[in-house]
Amino acid sequence: MFRLIKNMLLALTLTMVMVVSAWALSLQEAAERVARQYDAEVVSARTVERDGRRIHVIRILTRDGVVRTVRVPADER
């Protein structure tokens, strides 16, 4: 009985992880979205973890020559 419950919990956990992954925003998608939104060129992009949440940190160069840093939550679409 314990083994059945353990396997069911494992299956449920794996299912939840797959669903969350499907909603996660990749670094490349975030960088492309920010570049379009600001009509800018991406200078650098990286993913960091802050307070248990993943955040994409994207540096862009605007047409005015200004470098800006945009932070996008990785777990939201």
Protein backbone atom coordinates (compact mmCIF):
# COMPACT_ATOMS: atom_id res chain seq x y z
CA MET A 1 0.00 0.00 0.00
CA PHE A 2 2.81 2.41 0.90
CA ARG A 3 4.51 1.71 -2.42
CA LEU A 4 1.31 2.53 -4.35
CA ILE A 5 0.90 5.84 -2.53
CA LYS A 6 4.57 6.66 -3.09
CA ASN A 7 4.27 5.96 -6.84
CA MET A 8 1.09 8.03 -7.09
CA LEU A 9 2.75 10.98 -5.33
CA LEU A 10 5.77 10.70 -7.62
CA ALA A 11 3.53 10.66 -10.71
CA LEU A 12 1.57 13.66 -9.44
CA THR A 13 4.78 15.60 -8.71
CA LEU A 14 6.22 14.87 -12.16
CA THR A 15 2.96 15.95 -13.80
CA MET A 16 2.99 19.25 -11.90
CA VAL A 17 6.63 19.91 -12.86
CA MET A 18 5.84 19.31 -16.53
CA VAL A 19 2.87 21.70 -16.40
CA VAL A 20 4.93 24.46 -14.75
CA SER A 21 7.71 23.96 -17.32
CA ALA A 22 5.23 24.41 -20.14
CA TRP A 23 4.35 27.86 -18.73
CA ALA A 24 7.93 28.92 -18.08
CA LEU A 25 9.37 31.65 -20.28
CA SER A 26 12.74 30.76 -21.77
CA LEU A 27 15.62 33.22 -21.66
CA GLN A 28 15.63 33.50 -25.45
CA GLU A 29 11.87 34.20 -25.57
CA ALA A 30 12.21 36.86 -22.88
CA ALA A 31 15.15 38.53 -24.64
CA GLU A 32 13.30 38.61 -27.97
CA ARG A 33 10.18 40.02 -26.32
CA VAL A 34 12.12 42.78 -24.53
CA ALA A 35 14.05 43.68 -27.71
CA ARG A 36 10.77 44.06 -29.63
CA GLN A 37 9.04 45.94 -26.82
CA TYR A 38 11.81 48.53 -26.48
CA ASP A 39 12.93 48.47 -30.13
CA ALA A 40 16.44 47.79 -28.86
CA GLU A 41 19.41 45.46 -29.22
CA VAL A 42 20.09 42.84 -26.54
CA VAL A 43 23.53 43.35 -25.00
CA SER A 44 23.40 40.47 -22.52
CA ALA A 45 20.89 38.08 -20.98
CA ARG A 46 21.10 35.76 -18.01
CA THR A 47 18.83 34.00 -15.55
CA VAL A 48 19.24 34.49 -11.81
CA GLU A 49 17.40 33.18 -8.78
CA ARG A 50 16.17 35.75 -6.30
CA ASP A 51 14.11 34.87 -3.22
CA GLY A 52 13.40 31.43 -4.65
CA ARG A 53 12.13 32.75 -8.00
CA ARG A 54 13.87 32.67 -11.36
CA ILE A 55 14.25 36.04 -13.09
CA HIS A 56 15.66 36.79 -16.53
CA VAL A 57 17.94 39.84 -16.41
CA ILE A 58 18.24 41.37 -19.87
CA ARG A 59 20.47 44.34 -20.72
CA ILE A 60 19.51 46.26 -23.85
CA LEU A 61 20.92 49.12 -25.88
CA THR A 62 18.19 51.52 -27.03
CA ARG A 63 18.27 53.51 -30.26
CA ASP A 64 19.18 56.56 -28.14
CA GLY A 65 22.37 54.80 -27.01
CA VAL A 66 21.11 54.17 -23.48
CA VAL A 67 21.83 50.84 -21.79
CA ARG A 68 18.87 49.61 -19.72
CA THR A 69 18.35 46.55 -17.57
CA VAL A 70 14.97 44.82 -17.76
CA ARG A 71 13.94 42.04 -15.37
CA VAL A 72 11.34 39.50 -16.49
CA PRO A 73 9.89 36.75 -14.25
CA ALA A 74 10.86 33.39 -15.79
CA ASP A 75 7.79 31.56 -14.52
CA GLU A 76 5.12 33.73 -16.12
CA ARG A 77 3.94 34.07 -19.69
